[in-house]
Amino acid sequence: MKSNTILSPKELGNLIKKRRRQLKLKQPELALVSGTGIRFISDLENGKENCRLGLSLRVLSTLGLQILVADPSSSE
């Protein structure tokens, strides 16, 4: 999977939705395996700005996604 630059909650939600669909998971299935609720998954995928960070990271991990932070001072 190629890396993506995420600049907004909506972009993160779109990435999560895309990955969930690639894995052929429905929202209730993702909620169950990630230990969250269906409403949370829906809000997250729709870019709700006040979704809980800990739960969001848990969903990302469940989907095999990770956050990589680029050092803005490094020149690549």
C-alpha atoms as a PDB file:
ATOM      1  CA  MET A   1       0.000   0.000   0.000  1.00  0.00           C
ATOM      2  CA  LYS A   2       1.424   3.370  -0.952  1.00  0.00           C
ATOM      3  CA  SER A   3       1.740   6.119   1.611  1.00  0.00           C
ATOM      4  CA  ASN A   4      -0.690   9.005   1.695  1.00  0.00           C
ATOM      5  CA  THR A   5      -0.479  12.490   3.091  1.00  0.00           C
ATOM      6  CA  ILE A   6      -3.485  13.177   5.289  1.00  0.00           C
ATOM      7  CA  LEU A   7      -4.281  16.835   5.902  1.00  0.00           C
ATOM      8  CA  SER A   8      -7.846  16.674   7.205  1.00  0.00           C
ATOM      9  CA  PRO A   9     -10.229  14.435   9.161  1.00  0.00           C
ATOM     10  CA  LYS A  10     -12.190  13.869   5.926  1.00  0.00           C
ATOM     11  CA  GLU A  11      -9.076  12.577   4.139  1.00  0.00           C
ATOM     12  CA  LEU A  12      -8.358  10.231   7.048  1.00  0.00           C
ATOM     13  CA  GLY A  13     -11.947   9.007   6.939  1.00  0.00           C
ATOM     14  CA  ASN A  14     -11.718   8.356   3.220  1.00  0.00           C
ATOM     15  CA  LEU A  15      -8.513   6.363   3.701  1.00  0.00           C
ATOM     16  CA  ILE A  16     -10.095   4.273   6.469  1.00  0.00           C
ATOM     17  CA  LYS A  17     -13.203   3.608   4.383  1.00  0.00           C
ATOM     18  CA  LYS A  18     -11.096   2.624   1.356  1.00  0.00           C
ATOM     19  CA  ARG A  19      -8.984   0.207   3.397  1.00  0.00           C
ATOM     20  CA  ARG A  20     -12.039  -1.307   5.100  1.00  0.00           C
ATOM     21  CA  ARG A  21     -13.584  -1.975   1.714  1.00  0.00           C
ATOM     22  CA  GLN A  22     -10.325  -3.476   0.393  1.00  0.00           C
ATOM     23  CA  LEU A  23     -10.477  -5.904   3.312  1.00  0.00           C
ATOM     24  CA  LYS A  24     -14.141  -6.601   2.485  1.00  0.00           C
ATOM     25  CA  LEU A  25     -15.291  -5.563   5.947  1.00  0.00           C
ATOM     26  CA  LYS A  26     -18.615  -3.934   6.718  1.00  0.00           C
ATOM     27  CA  GLN A  27     -18.731  -1.163   9.323  1.00  0.00           C
ATOM     28  CA  PRO A  28     -20.273  -3.448  12.007  1.00  0.00           C
ATOM     29  CA  GLU A  29     -17.509  -6.012  11.441  1.00  0.00           C
ATOM     30  CA  LEU A  30     -14.779  -3.378  11.764  1.00  0.00           C
ATOM     31  CA  ALA A  31     -16.434  -2.022  14.891  1.00  0.00           C
ATOM     32  CA  LEU A  32     -16.491  -5.496  16.424  1.00  0.00           C
ATOM     33  CA  VAL A  33     -12.873  -6.426  15.663  1.00  0.00           C
ATOM     34  CA  SER A  34     -11.538  -3.006  16.681  1.00  0.00           C
ATOM     35  CA  GLY A  35     -13.550  -2.835  19.907  1.00  0.00           C
ATOM     36  CA  THR A  36     -15.433   0.300  18.932  1.00  0.00           C
ATOM     37  CA  GLY A  37     -19.027   1.055  18.006  1.00  0.00           C
ATOM     38  CA  ILE A  38     -20.663   1.232  14.601  1.00  0.00           C
ATOM     39  CA  ARG A  39     -21.502   4.903  15.169  1.00  0.00           C
ATOM     40  CA  PHE A  40     -17.837   5.642  15.886  1.00  0.00           C
ATOM     41  CA  ILE A  41     -16.733   3.949  12.649  1.00  0.00           C
ATOM     42  CA  SER A  42     -19.351   5.902  10.704  1.00  0.00           C
ATOM     43  CA  ASP A  43     -18.301   9.204  12.289  1.00  0.00           C
ATOM     44  CA  LEU A  44     -14.624   8.453  11.673  1.00  0.00           C
ATOM     45  CA  GLU A  45     -15.182   7.565   8.014  1.00  0.00           C
ATOM     46  CA  ASN A  46     -17.259  10.707   7.546  1.00  0.00           C
ATOM     47  CA  GLY A  47     -14.473  12.926   8.867  1.00  0.00           C
ATOM     48  CA  LYS A  48     -16.083  13.973  12.133  1.00  0.00           C
ATOM     49  CA  GLU A  49     -13.529  16.290  13.677  1.00  0.00           C
ATOM     50  CA  ASN A  50     -13.922  15.336  17.319  1.00  0.00           C
ATOM     51  CA  CYS A  51     -13.437  11.562  17.058  1.00  0.00           C
ATOM     52  CA  ARG A  52     -11.390  10.132  19.928  1.00  0.00           C
ATOM     53  CA  LEU A  53      -7.710   9.765  19.067  1.00  0.00           C
ATOM     54  CA  GLY A  54      -7.146   6.526  20.983  1.00  0.00           C
ATOM     55  CA  LEU A  55     -10.056   4.784  19.288  1.00  0.00           C
ATOM     56  CA  SER A  56      -9.022   6.205  15.925  1.00  0.00           C
ATOM     57  CA  LEU A  57      -5.532   4.764  16.344  1.00  0.00           C
ATOM     58  CA  ARG A  58      -7.040   1.414  17.330  1.00  0.00           C
ATOM     59  CA  VAL A  59      -9.095   1.353  14.121  1.00  0.00           C
ATOM     60  CA  LEU A  60      -6.032   2.252  12.040  1.00  0.00           C
ATOM     61  CA  SER A  61      -4.072  -0.557  13.665  1.00  0.00           C
ATOM     62  CA  THR A  62      -6.910  -3.032  13.085  1.00  0.00           C
ATOM     63  CA  LEU A  63      -6.831  -2.134   9.391  1.00  0.00           C
ATOM     64  CA  GLY A  64      -3.048  -2.513   9.213  1.00  0.00           C
ATOM     65  CA  LEU A  65      -2.516   1.218   8.751  1.00  0.00           C
ATOM     66  CA  GLN A  66       0.023   3.297  10.624  1.00  0.00           C
ATOM     67  CA  ILE A  67       0.879   6.939  11.036  1.00  0.00           C
ATOM     68  CA  LEU A  68       4.366   7.955   9.973  1.00  0.00           C
ATOM     69  CA  VAL A  69       5.542  11.405  10.912  1.00  0.00           C
ATOM     70  CA  ALA A  70       7.919  13.162   8.562  1.00  0.00           C
ATOM     71  CA  ASP A  71      10.560  15.406  10.041  1.00  0.00           C
ATOM     72  CA  PRO A  72       9.990  18.764   8.348  1.00  0.00           C
ATOM     73  CA  SER A  73      13.616  19.751   8.969  1.00  0.00           C
ATOM     74  CA  SER A  74      15.011  16.786   7.025  1.00  0.00           C
ATOM     75  CA  SER A  75      15.808  17.397   3.380  1.00  0.00           C
ATOM     76  CA  GLU A  76      14.967  14.340   1.293  1.00  0.00           C
END
